[in-house]
N, C-alpha and C. Protein backbone atom coordinates (compact mmCIF):
# COMPACT_ATOMS: atom_id res chain seq x y z
N UNK A 1 -5.19 -6.75 -12.89
CA UNK A 1 -4.33 -7.61 -12.12
C UNK A 1 -5.13 -8.15 -10.95
N UNK A 2 -5.84 -9.22 -11.16
CA UNK A 2 -6.64 -9.84 -10.12
C UNK A 2 -5.77 -10.70 -9.22
N UNK A 3 -6.14 -10.76 -7.93
CA UNK A 3 -5.36 -11.55 -6.98
C UNK A 3 -5.29 -13.01 -7.40
N UNK A 4 -6.35 -13.52 -8.03
CA UNK A 4 -6.35 -14.93 -8.42
C UNK A 4 -5.44 -15.20 -9.61
N UNK A 5 -4.93 -14.16 -10.26
CA UNK A 5 -3.99 -14.35 -11.36
C UNK A 5 -2.57 -14.58 -10.85
N UNK A 6 -2.38 -14.37 -9.56
CA UNK A 6 -1.06 -14.56 -8.98
C UNK A 6 -0.83 -16.04 -8.69
N UNK A 7 0.41 -16.49 -8.93
CA UNK A 7 0.76 -17.88 -8.62
C UNK A 7 1.98 -17.89 -7.71
N UNK A 8 1.93 -18.77 -6.73
CA UNK A 8 2.99 -18.91 -5.74
C UNK A 8 3.65 -20.27 -5.89
N UNK A 9 4.97 -20.30 -5.74
CA UNK A 9 5.70 -21.57 -5.75
C UNK A 9 7.08 -21.33 -5.15
N UNK A 10 7.78 -22.40 -4.83
CA UNK A 10 9.13 -22.23 -4.30
C UNK A 10 10.15 -22.14 -5.44
N UNK A 11 11.25 -21.53 -5.13
CA UNK A 11 12.35 -21.35 -6.08
C UNK A 11 13.04 -22.69 -6.34
N UNK A 12 13.41 -22.90 -7.58
CA UNK A 12 14.18 -24.07 -7.97
C UNK A 12 15.51 -23.62 -8.56
N UNK A 13 16.38 -24.57 -8.82
CA UNK A 13 17.68 -24.24 -9.43
C UNK A 13 17.50 -23.53 -10.76
N UNK A 14 16.46 -23.86 -11.50
CA UNK A 14 16.22 -23.22 -12.80
C UNK A 14 15.90 -21.74 -12.67
N UNK A 15 15.45 -21.29 -11.49
CA UNK A 15 15.09 -19.88 -11.28
C UNK A 15 16.30 -18.99 -11.00
N UNK A 16 17.42 -19.57 -10.65
CA UNK A 16 18.57 -18.78 -10.21
C UNK A 16 18.99 -17.76 -11.27
N UNK A 17 18.89 -18.11 -12.51
CA UNK A 17 19.30 -17.19 -13.58
C UNK A 17 18.18 -16.26 -14.06
N UNK A 18 16.95 -16.45 -13.55
CA UNK A 18 15.85 -15.67 -14.12
C UNK A 18 15.08 -14.79 -13.14
N UNK A 19 15.30 -14.93 -11.83
CA UNK A 19 14.61 -14.06 -10.86
C UNK A 19 15.65 -13.21 -10.14
N UNK A 20 15.23 -12.06 -9.62
CA UNK A 20 16.19 -11.22 -8.88
C UNK A 20 16.75 -11.96 -7.67
N UNK A 21 18.04 -11.80 -7.43
CA UNK A 21 18.70 -12.44 -6.29
C UNK A 21 19.12 -11.41 -5.24
N UNK A 22 18.58 -10.20 -5.33
CA UNK A 22 18.94 -9.15 -4.37
C UNK A 22 18.84 -9.67 -2.95
N UNK A 23 19.84 -9.39 -2.16
CA UNK A 23 19.90 -9.72 -0.73
C UNK A 23 19.98 -11.22 -0.46
N UNK A 24 20.16 -12.03 -1.50
CA UNK A 24 20.30 -13.47 -1.29
C UNK A 24 21.75 -13.92 -1.39
N UNK A 25 22.58 -13.13 -2.02
CA UNK A 25 23.97 -13.51 -2.24
C UNK A 25 24.19 -13.81 -3.71
N UNK A 26 25.32 -14.43 -3.99
CA UNK A 26 25.66 -14.75 -5.37
C UNK A 26 24.81 -15.92 -5.88
N UNK A 27 24.82 -16.10 -7.18
CA UNK A 27 24.10 -17.24 -7.77
C UNK A 27 24.63 -18.56 -7.20
N UNK A 28 25.93 -18.65 -6.99
CA UNK A 28 26.51 -19.87 -6.42
C UNK A 28 26.02 -20.10 -4.99
N UNK A 29 25.92 -19.02 -4.19
CA UNK A 29 25.44 -19.15 -2.81
C UNK A 29 23.97 -19.59 -2.78
N UNK A 30 23.17 -19.01 -3.65
CA UNK A 30 21.75 -19.38 -3.71
C UNK A 30 21.62 -20.83 -4.17
N UNK A 31 22.38 -21.21 -5.17
CA UNK A 31 22.36 -22.60 -5.66
C UNK A 31 22.75 -23.58 -4.55
N UNK A 32 23.74 -23.21 -3.74
CA UNK A 32 24.15 -24.07 -2.63
C UNK A 32 23.03 -24.23 -1.62
N UNK A 33 22.28 -23.15 -1.34
CA UNK A 33 21.15 -23.25 -0.41
C UNK A 33 20.03 -24.10 -1.00
N UNK A 34 19.83 -24.02 -2.30
CA UNK A 34 18.82 -24.87 -2.94
C UNK A 34 19.25 -26.32 -2.85
N UNK A 35 20.54 -26.59 -3.09
CA UNK A 35 21.05 -27.97 -2.95
C UNK A 35 20.86 -28.48 -1.53
N UNK A 36 21.09 -27.62 -0.55
CA UNK A 36 21.01 -28.00 0.86
C UNK A 36 19.58 -28.24 1.32
N UNK A 37 18.70 -27.30 1.04
CA UNK A 37 17.33 -27.35 1.57
C UNK A 37 16.27 -27.78 0.56
N UNK A 38 16.57 -27.63 -0.71
CA UNK A 38 15.58 -27.90 -1.75
C UNK A 38 14.99 -26.64 -2.34
N UNK A 39 15.24 -25.50 -1.71
CA UNK A 39 14.81 -24.19 -2.21
C UNK A 39 15.50 -23.12 -1.39
N UNK A 40 15.35 -21.86 -1.82
CA UNK A 40 15.92 -20.73 -1.09
C UNK A 40 14.92 -19.59 -0.96
N UNK A 41 13.71 -19.76 -1.52
CA UNK A 41 12.71 -18.69 -1.47
C UNK A 41 11.37 -19.21 -1.97
N UNK A 42 10.32 -18.53 -1.54
CA UNK A 42 9.01 -18.69 -2.17
C UNK A 42 8.91 -17.53 -3.16
N UNK A 43 8.35 -17.80 -4.32
CA UNK A 43 8.22 -16.80 -5.38
C UNK A 43 6.75 -16.57 -5.68
N UNK A 44 6.44 -15.38 -6.18
CA UNK A 44 5.09 -15.09 -6.65
C UNK A 44 5.20 -14.43 -8.02
N UNK A 45 4.31 -14.85 -8.91
CA UNK A 45 4.29 -14.36 -10.29
C UNK A 45 2.90 -13.83 -10.64
N UNK A 46 2.88 -12.78 -11.43
CA UNK A 46 1.66 -12.28 -12.06
C UNK A 46 1.80 -12.68 -13.52
N UNK A 47 1.16 -13.79 -13.90
CA UNK A 47 1.43 -14.38 -15.20
C UNK A 47 2.85 -14.90 -15.18
N UNK A 48 3.68 -14.42 -16.10
CA UNK A 48 5.09 -14.85 -16.12
C UNK A 48 6.02 -13.83 -15.45
N UNK A 49 5.46 -12.71 -14.97
CA UNK A 49 6.26 -11.65 -14.35
C UNK A 49 6.50 -11.92 -12.87
N UNK A 50 7.76 -12.03 -12.47
CA UNK A 50 8.11 -12.14 -11.04
C UNK A 50 7.68 -10.85 -10.36
N UNK A 51 6.92 -10.97 -9.26
CA UNK A 51 6.47 -9.78 -8.54
C UNK A 51 6.82 -9.82 -7.05
N UNK A 52 7.50 -10.87 -6.62
CA UNK A 52 7.91 -10.89 -5.22
C UNK A 52 8.49 -12.21 -4.79
N UNK A 53 9.10 -12.18 -3.62
CA UNK A 53 9.68 -13.39 -3.06
C UNK A 53 9.87 -13.24 -1.56
N UNK A 54 9.90 -14.38 -0.89
CA UNK A 54 10.26 -14.47 0.52
C UNK A 54 11.45 -15.40 0.59
N UNK A 55 12.57 -14.86 0.98
CA UNK A 55 13.82 -15.62 1.02
C UNK A 55 13.96 -16.33 2.37
N UNK A 56 14.56 -17.51 2.34
CA UNK A 56 14.84 -18.23 3.57
C UNK A 56 16.15 -18.98 3.47
N UNK A 57 16.65 -19.36 4.61
CA UNK A 57 17.91 -20.10 4.73
C UNK A 57 17.78 -21.06 5.89
N UNK A 58 18.75 -21.94 6.00
CA UNK A 58 18.82 -22.80 7.19
C UNK A 58 19.12 -21.91 8.39
N UNK A 59 18.44 -22.17 9.50
CA UNK A 59 18.66 -21.41 10.73
C UNK A 59 20.05 -21.70 11.28
N UNK A 60 20.79 -20.62 11.58
CA UNK A 60 22.12 -20.71 12.18
C UNK A 60 22.13 -19.81 13.41
N UNK A 61 22.03 -20.39 14.62
CA UNK A 61 21.95 -19.55 15.82
C UNK A 61 23.14 -18.63 16.01
N UNK A 62 24.30 -18.94 15.46
CA UNK A 62 25.49 -18.10 15.60
C UNK A 62 25.65 -17.05 14.53
N UNK A 63 24.70 -16.94 13.60
CA UNK A 63 24.81 -15.97 12.51
C UNK A 63 24.80 -14.55 13.05
N UNK A 64 25.70 -13.71 12.55
CA UNK A 64 25.77 -12.31 12.96
C UNK A 64 25.79 -11.42 11.73
N UNK A 65 25.03 -10.32 11.79
CA UNK A 65 24.99 -9.35 10.71
C UNK A 65 26.18 -8.41 10.86
N UNK A 66 27.00 -8.28 9.82
CA UNK A 66 28.17 -7.39 9.93
C UNK A 66 27.81 -5.91 10.00
N UNK A 67 26.61 -5.55 9.55
CA UNK A 67 26.22 -4.14 9.53
C UNK A 67 24.86 -3.93 10.19
N UNK A 68 24.52 -4.77 11.15
CA UNK A 68 23.25 -4.62 11.86
C UNK A 68 22.07 -4.61 10.91
N UNK A 69 21.19 -3.68 11.13
CA UNK A 69 19.95 -3.55 10.36
C UNK A 69 20.20 -3.32 8.86
N UNK A 70 21.37 -2.83 8.51
CA UNK A 70 21.66 -2.46 7.13
C UNK A 70 22.33 -3.57 6.32
N UNK A 71 22.06 -4.80 6.69
CA UNK A 71 22.60 -5.95 5.97
C UNK A 71 21.54 -7.03 5.97
N UNK A 72 21.36 -7.75 4.85
CA UNK A 72 20.34 -8.80 4.81
C UNK A 72 20.51 -9.86 5.90
N UNK A 73 21.73 -10.06 6.39
CA UNK A 73 21.94 -11.06 7.45
C UNK A 73 21.27 -10.66 8.77
N UNK A 74 20.83 -9.39 8.87
CA UNK A 74 20.10 -8.94 10.05
C UNK A 74 18.92 -9.86 10.36
N UNK A 75 18.25 -10.34 9.32
CA UNK A 75 17.03 -11.14 9.51
C UNK A 75 17.34 -12.52 10.08
N UNK A 76 18.60 -12.93 10.05
CA UNK A 76 18.97 -14.21 10.63
C UNK A 76 19.77 -14.08 11.92
N UNK A 77 19.99 -12.86 12.37
CA UNK A 77 20.81 -12.59 13.55
C UNK A 77 19.89 -12.43 14.76
N UNK A 78 19.86 -13.45 15.62
CA UNK A 78 18.99 -13.44 16.79
C UNK A 78 19.77 -13.31 18.10
N UNK A 79 21.05 -12.97 18.04
CA UNK A 79 21.86 -13.01 19.26
C UNK A 79 21.38 -12.05 20.34
N UNK A 80 20.77 -10.95 19.98
CA UNK A 80 20.31 -9.98 20.98
C UNK A 80 19.20 -10.54 21.87
N UNK A 81 18.53 -11.59 21.42
CA UNK A 81 17.46 -12.18 22.21
C UNK A 81 17.81 -13.61 22.61
N UNK A 82 19.08 -13.91 22.69
CA UNK A 82 19.54 -15.26 23.05
C UNK A 82 18.91 -16.28 22.11
N UNK A 83 19.50 -16.42 20.96
CA UNK A 83 19.00 -17.32 19.92
C UNK A 83 18.66 -18.68 20.50
N UNK A 84 17.44 -19.13 20.25
CA UNK A 84 17.05 -20.44 20.79
C UNK A 84 17.76 -21.58 20.08
N UNK A 85 17.98 -22.66 20.81
CA UNK A 85 18.51 -23.88 20.20
C UNK A 85 17.33 -24.58 19.53
N UNK A 86 17.41 -24.78 18.24
CA UNK A 86 16.33 -25.41 17.49
C UNK A 86 16.86 -26.58 16.69
N UNK A 87 15.96 -27.39 16.20
CA UNK A 87 16.32 -28.57 15.41
C UNK A 87 17.16 -28.19 14.20
N UNK A 88 17.97 -29.13 13.73
CA UNK A 88 18.82 -28.90 12.57
C UNK A 88 18.00 -28.50 11.34
N UNK A 89 16.83 -29.10 11.18
CA UNK A 89 15.99 -28.80 10.01
C UNK A 89 15.02 -27.66 10.34
N UNK A 90 15.61 -26.48 10.62
CA UNK A 90 14.84 -25.28 10.92
C UNK A 90 15.14 -24.24 9.86
N UNK A 91 14.09 -23.62 9.34
CA UNK A 91 14.24 -22.53 8.38
C UNK A 91 14.24 -21.20 9.10
N UNK A 92 14.98 -20.26 8.55
CA UNK A 92 15.00 -18.88 9.02
C UNK A 92 14.49 -18.02 7.86
N UNK A 93 13.39 -17.32 8.09
CA UNK A 93 12.86 -16.43 7.06
C UNK A 93 13.69 -15.17 7.00
N UNK A 94 13.96 -14.72 5.80
CA UNK A 94 14.76 -13.52 5.59
C UNK A 94 13.89 -12.42 4.99
N UNK A 95 14.23 -11.93 3.84
CA UNK A 95 13.58 -10.75 3.26
C UNK A 95 12.34 -11.08 2.44
N UNK A 96 11.32 -10.27 2.62
CA UNK A 96 10.15 -10.25 1.73
C UNK A 96 10.41 -9.15 0.71
N UNK A 97 10.19 -9.44 -0.56
CA UNK A 97 10.38 -8.44 -1.62
C UNK A 97 9.09 -8.37 -2.42
N UNK A 98 8.08 -7.71 -1.90
CA UNK A 98 6.78 -7.62 -2.57
C UNK A 98 6.79 -6.42 -3.52
N UNK A 99 6.42 -6.67 -4.76
CA UNK A 99 6.42 -5.64 -5.78
C UNK A 99 7.73 -5.55 -6.53
N UNK A 100 8.60 -6.53 -6.36
CA UNK A 100 9.90 -6.53 -7.03
C UNK A 100 9.76 -7.14 -8.42
N UNK A 101 9.83 -6.29 -9.44
CA UNK A 101 9.67 -6.75 -10.81
C UNK A 101 11.02 -7.06 -11.46
N UNK A 102 12.08 -6.48 -10.93
CA UNK A 102 13.41 -6.66 -11.52
C UNK A 102 14.46 -6.49 -10.43
N UNK A 103 15.70 -6.75 -10.76
CA UNK A 103 16.80 -6.55 -9.82
C UNK A 103 16.84 -5.09 -9.38
N UNK A 104 17.10 -4.88 -8.10
CA UNK A 104 17.18 -3.53 -7.56
C UNK A 104 16.18 -3.32 -6.44
N UNK A 105 16.23 -2.14 -5.84
CA UNK A 105 15.37 -1.86 -4.69
C UNK A 105 14.03 -1.24 -5.06
N UNK A 106 13.79 -0.97 -6.33
CA UNK A 106 12.51 -0.38 -6.73
C UNK A 106 11.40 -1.41 -6.57
N UNK A 107 10.24 -0.95 -6.05
CA UNK A 107 9.08 -1.83 -5.86
C UNK A 107 7.86 -1.21 -6.51
N UNK A 108 7.05 -2.03 -7.14
CA UNK A 108 5.80 -1.60 -7.75
C UNK A 108 4.73 -1.66 -6.66
N UNK A 109 4.27 -0.51 -6.22
CA UNK A 109 3.34 -0.43 -5.10
C UNK A 109 1.96 -1.03 -5.40
N UNK A 110 1.67 -1.29 -6.68
CA UNK A 110 0.38 -1.93 -7.01
C UNK A 110 0.27 -3.32 -6.39
N UNK A 111 1.40 -3.92 -6.04
CA UNK A 111 1.39 -5.27 -5.47
C UNK A 111 1.41 -5.26 -3.95
N UNK A 112 1.55 -4.12 -3.35
CA UNK A 112 1.65 -4.05 -1.89
C UNK A 112 0.27 -3.85 -1.27
N UNK A 113 0.10 -4.37 -0.07
CA UNK A 113 -1.17 -4.25 0.63
C UNK A 113 -2.24 -5.20 0.12
N UNK A 114 -1.86 -6.23 -0.60
CA UNK A 114 -2.82 -7.16 -1.20
C UNK A 114 -2.73 -8.57 -0.59
N UNK A 115 -1.96 -8.71 0.48
CA UNK A 115 -1.82 -10.02 1.11
C UNK A 115 -0.77 -10.91 0.47
N UNK A 116 0.04 -10.35 -0.41
CA UNK A 116 1.05 -11.15 -1.10
C UNK A 116 2.10 -11.65 -0.13
N UNK A 117 2.53 -10.82 0.82
CA UNK A 117 3.51 -11.25 1.81
C UNK A 117 2.99 -12.43 2.61
N UNK A 118 1.74 -12.36 3.04
CA UNK A 118 1.13 -13.47 3.78
C UNK A 118 1.01 -14.70 2.88
N UNK A 119 0.72 -14.51 1.60
CA UNK A 119 0.66 -15.63 0.66
C UNK A 119 2.01 -16.29 0.48
N UNK A 120 3.07 -15.49 0.45
CA UNK A 120 4.42 -16.04 0.37
C UNK A 120 4.75 -16.85 1.62
N UNK A 121 4.36 -16.31 2.77
CA UNK A 121 4.58 -17.03 4.03
C UNK A 121 3.83 -18.36 4.02
N UNK A 122 2.58 -18.35 3.56
CA UNK A 122 1.81 -19.60 3.48
C UNK A 122 2.47 -20.60 2.55
N UNK A 123 3.02 -20.12 1.43
CA UNK A 123 3.71 -21.02 0.49
C UNK A 123 4.93 -21.66 1.15
N UNK A 124 5.68 -20.89 1.94
CA UNK A 124 6.84 -21.45 2.64
C UNK A 124 6.39 -22.47 3.67
N UNK A 125 5.35 -22.15 4.43
CA UNK A 125 4.87 -23.07 5.46
C UNK A 125 4.40 -24.38 4.82
N UNK A 126 3.63 -24.30 3.74
CA UNK A 126 3.16 -25.52 3.05
C UNK A 126 4.33 -26.34 2.54
N UNK A 127 5.30 -25.68 1.92
CA UNK A 127 6.48 -26.37 1.39
C UNK A 127 7.26 -27.02 2.54
N UNK A 128 7.46 -26.27 3.63
CA UNK A 128 8.22 -26.79 4.77
C UNK A 128 7.51 -27.99 5.40
N UNK A 129 6.18 -27.92 5.51
CA UNK A 129 5.42 -29.06 6.05
C UNK A 129 5.62 -30.30 5.19
N UNK A 130 5.56 -30.12 3.88
CA UNK A 130 5.71 -31.25 2.96
C UNK A 130 7.11 -31.86 3.03
N UNK A 131 8.09 -31.04 3.38
CA UNK A 131 9.49 -31.50 3.46
C UNK A 131 9.89 -31.90 4.88
N UNK A 132 8.94 -31.87 5.78
CA UNK A 132 9.17 -32.22 7.19
C UNK A 132 10.23 -31.32 7.84
N UNK A 133 10.21 -30.06 7.48
CA UNK A 133 11.04 -29.08 8.18
C UNK A 133 10.48 -28.98 9.60
N UNK A 134 11.34 -29.01 10.59
CA UNK A 134 10.88 -29.11 11.98
C UNK A 134 10.42 -27.80 12.60
N UNK A 135 10.96 -26.67 12.14
CA UNK A 135 10.59 -25.38 12.71
C UNK A 135 10.91 -24.28 11.71
N UNK A 136 10.26 -23.13 11.90
CA UNK A 136 10.54 -21.93 11.11
C UNK A 136 10.66 -20.78 12.11
N UNK A 137 11.70 -19.97 11.95
CA UNK A 137 11.86 -18.78 12.78
C UNK A 137 11.82 -17.54 11.89
N UNK A 138 11.36 -16.44 12.49
CA UNK A 138 11.25 -15.18 11.75
C UNK A 138 11.31 -14.02 12.72
N UNK A 139 11.71 -12.88 12.21
CA UNK A 139 11.62 -11.63 12.96
C UNK A 139 10.36 -10.91 12.48
N UNK A 140 9.65 -10.34 13.42
CA UNK A 140 8.44 -9.58 13.09
C UNK A 140 8.79 -8.09 13.01
N UNK A 141 7.92 -7.36 12.34
CA UNK A 141 8.04 -5.90 12.27
C UNK A 141 6.80 -5.30 12.93
N UNK A 142 6.85 -4.03 13.29
CA UNK A 142 5.66 -3.40 13.87
C UNK A 142 4.49 -3.44 12.90
N UNK A 143 3.28 -3.47 13.44
CA UNK A 143 2.08 -3.50 12.59
C UNK A 143 2.03 -2.29 11.66
N UNK A 144 2.40 -1.13 12.15
CA UNK A 144 2.52 0.06 11.32
C UNK A 144 4.01 0.22 11.06
N UNK A 145 4.41 0.04 9.81
CA UNK A 145 5.85 -0.06 9.54
C UNK A 145 6.33 0.82 8.40
N UNK A 146 5.86 2.05 8.34
CA UNK A 146 6.28 2.94 7.26
C UNK A 146 7.80 3.10 7.20
N UNK A 147 8.46 3.06 8.34
CA UNK A 147 9.91 3.22 8.38
C UNK A 147 10.60 2.00 7.79
N UNK A 148 9.95 0.85 7.83
CA UNK A 148 10.59 -0.40 7.44
C UNK A 148 10.10 -0.94 6.10
N UNK A 149 9.53 -0.09 5.26
CA UNK A 149 8.99 -0.61 4.01
C UNK A 149 10.05 -1.20 3.10
N UNK A 150 11.28 -0.81 3.28
CA UNK A 150 12.34 -1.35 2.43
C UNK A 150 12.78 -2.73 2.90
N UNK A 151 12.30 -3.15 4.06
CA UNK A 151 12.74 -4.41 4.63
C UNK A 151 11.65 -5.47 4.53
N UNK A 152 12.02 -6.65 4.95
CA UNK A 152 11.07 -7.75 4.99
C UNK A 152 10.48 -7.91 6.37
N UNK A 153 9.60 -8.88 6.47
CA UNK A 153 8.98 -9.19 7.75
C UNK A 153 7.49 -8.95 7.70
N UNK A 154 6.82 -9.57 8.63
CA UNK A 154 5.37 -9.40 8.80
C UNK A 154 5.14 -8.96 10.24
N UNK A 155 4.00 -8.33 10.51
CA UNK A 155 3.66 -8.05 11.90
C UNK A 155 3.52 -9.36 12.68
N UNK A 156 3.80 -9.32 13.97
CA UNK A 156 3.75 -10.52 14.81
C UNK A 156 2.41 -11.24 14.69
N UNK A 157 1.32 -10.50 14.55
CA UNK A 157 0.00 -11.12 14.46
C UNK A 157 -0.12 -12.05 13.26
N UNK A 158 0.51 -11.72 12.15
CA UNK A 158 0.46 -12.57 10.96
C UNK A 158 1.13 -13.90 11.24
N UNK A 159 2.26 -13.86 11.93
CA UNK A 159 2.94 -15.10 12.30
C UNK A 159 2.11 -15.89 13.32
N UNK A 160 1.59 -15.20 14.33
CA UNK A 160 0.81 -15.88 15.37
C UNK A 160 -0.43 -16.57 14.79
N UNK A 161 -1.08 -15.95 13.81
CA UNK A 161 -2.24 -16.57 13.16
C UNK A 161 -1.89 -17.89 12.50
N UNK A 162 -0.62 -18.09 12.20
CA UNK A 162 -0.17 -19.31 11.52
C UNK A 162 0.54 -20.27 12.47
N UNK A 163 0.39 -20.03 13.77
CA UNK A 163 0.91 -20.95 14.76
C UNK A 163 2.30 -20.67 15.27
N UNK A 164 2.90 -19.56 14.86
CA UNK A 164 4.22 -19.23 15.38
C UNK A 164 4.09 -18.85 16.85
N UNK A 165 5.08 -19.19 17.62
CA UNK A 165 5.15 -18.81 19.03
C UNK A 165 6.06 -17.61 19.14
N UNK A 166 5.60 -16.57 19.81
CA UNK A 166 6.41 -15.38 19.99
C UNK A 166 7.26 -15.58 21.23
N UNK A 167 8.59 -15.51 21.04
CA UNK A 167 9.51 -15.76 22.16
C UNK A 167 10.17 -14.49 22.68
N UNK A 168 10.17 -13.45 21.93
CA UNK A 168 10.75 -12.18 22.40
C UNK A 168 10.22 -11.05 21.54
């Protein structure tokens, strides 16, 4: 499984029935986000096998997670740091699912630690640039994140290397 065998692309409507939708919502909700933005995630494949994704949505400063950290909406809930007012065409990055071969929380660790998360982020940034998305927001995780392996996010340094401004 060479790194160059991996292919990255954004999710299309045709993917809704064939890739895991964990933490994205129902197929109808994902389809609505694709209709709205043009996609709902960056995907990565090893040949034809889905091995990961980075989910995103339109930024909503008033979004609140009903269960705090234990709900996928946590990644879009910025109220604790006074959510910034951003342009209407702003993406909010949600969950990274690296090593996800099928529906469920199981992850294949052979895909972790290989830069796939950063590759997914780069795919989203390239796609957003091409679509003239005005901004992207994300929550960072600590550089050493053994406690958070079940969650998404990158260390702040990964975002900063790509031009993100750290606001809190």
